[in-house]
Amino acid sequence: MNNANNEPTLESIGDYNTLKGSKKKIVWSVILVGLVIGAVYATLNSNYSNVDDQIKINDPIKSAERK
């Protein structure tokens, strides 16, 4: 049996050259949702990332002795 005749070619695939119709809308909606989620995360992270009740330690790290 020759499997080369059973394999689809790139030209026979419906969206080989460009995305059209509903596939294009789905791709754009996934990209936009990802951007919106990233923007919300970045905004929340910048507003709530500072902690005012940290314990400040003023103990500088000294170099270790070499033997």
Protein backbone atom coordinates (compact mmCIF):
# COMPACT_ATOMS: atom_id res chain seq x y z
CA MET A 1 0.00 0.00 0.00
CA ASN A 2 1.19 3.45 -0.83
CA ASN A 3 0.56 5.86 2.08
CA ALA A 4 1.59 8.91 0.05
CA ASN A 5 -1.83 8.97 -1.63
CA ASN A 6 -3.66 8.87 1.73
CA GLU A 7 -1.77 11.81 3.27
CA PRO A 8 -3.45 15.23 3.03
CA THR A 9 -1.52 17.96 1.29
CA LEU A 10 -1.17 21.47 2.66
CA GLU A 11 -3.21 22.87 -0.20
CA SER A 12 -6.15 20.60 0.69
CA ILE A 13 -6.37 21.97 4.24
CA GLY A 14 -9.04 24.66 4.45
CA ASP A 15 -7.07 27.28 6.38
CA TYR A 16 -3.61 26.74 4.91
CA ASN A 17 -3.05 30.26 3.60
CA THR A 18 -5.16 32.34 6.00
CA LEU A 19 -7.60 31.97 8.83
CA LYS A 20 -11.12 32.79 7.75
CA GLY A 21 -14.49 33.19 9.41
CA SER A 22 -15.09 31.77 12.87
CA LYS A 23 -11.54 30.42 13.27
CA LYS A 24 -10.15 33.92 12.88
CA LYS A 25 -12.62 35.29 15.44
CA ILE A 26 -11.68 32.55 17.92
CA VAL A 27 -7.96 33.27 17.56
CA TRP A 28 -8.48 37.00 18.06
CA SER A 29 -10.77 36.45 21.05
CA VAL A 30 -8.19 34.19 22.73
CA ILE A 31 -5.49 36.82 22.18
CA LEU A 32 -7.70 39.62 23.54
CA VAL A 33 -8.74 37.59 26.59
CA GLY A 34 -5.08 36.87 27.32
CA LEU A 35 -4.21 40.55 27.07
CA VAL A 36 -7.10 41.55 29.34
CA ILE A 37 -6.16 38.97 31.96
CA GLY A 38 -2.53 40.13 31.81
CA ALA A 39 -3.54 43.78 32.21
CA VAL A 40 -5.78 42.99 35.20
CA TYR A 41 -3.01 40.95 36.82
CA ALA A 42 -0.41 43.69 36.24
CA THR A 43 -2.72 46.34 37.69
CA LEU A 44 -3.55 44.30 40.77
CA ASN A 45 0.08 43.34 41.25
CA SER A 46 1.25 46.95 41.10
CA ASN A 47 -1.48 48.16 43.49
CA TYR A 48 -1.27 45.42 46.11
CA SER A 49 2.33 44.21 45.97
CA ASN A 50 3.79 46.64 48.52
CA VAL A 51 3.71 45.42 52.09
CA ASP A 52 3.82 48.11 54.76
CA ASP A 53 4.17 45.80 57.74
CA GLN A 54 7.50 44.21 56.81
CA ILE A 55 10.12 43.71 59.48
CA LYS A 56 13.18 45.59 58.33
CA ILE A 57 16.50 43.92 59.05
CA ASN A 58 19.60 46.10 58.99
CA ASP A 59 22.14 43.27 59.15
CA PRO A 60 24.45 43.51 56.14
CA ILE A 61 25.91 40.29 54.86
CA LYS A 62 29.64 40.11 55.50
CA SER A 63 32.04 38.13 53.41
CA ALA A 64 32.95 34.70 54.73
CA GLU A 65 36.49 33.90 55.71
CA ARG A 66 38.40 31.74 53.27
CA LYS A 67 40.62 28.99 54.60
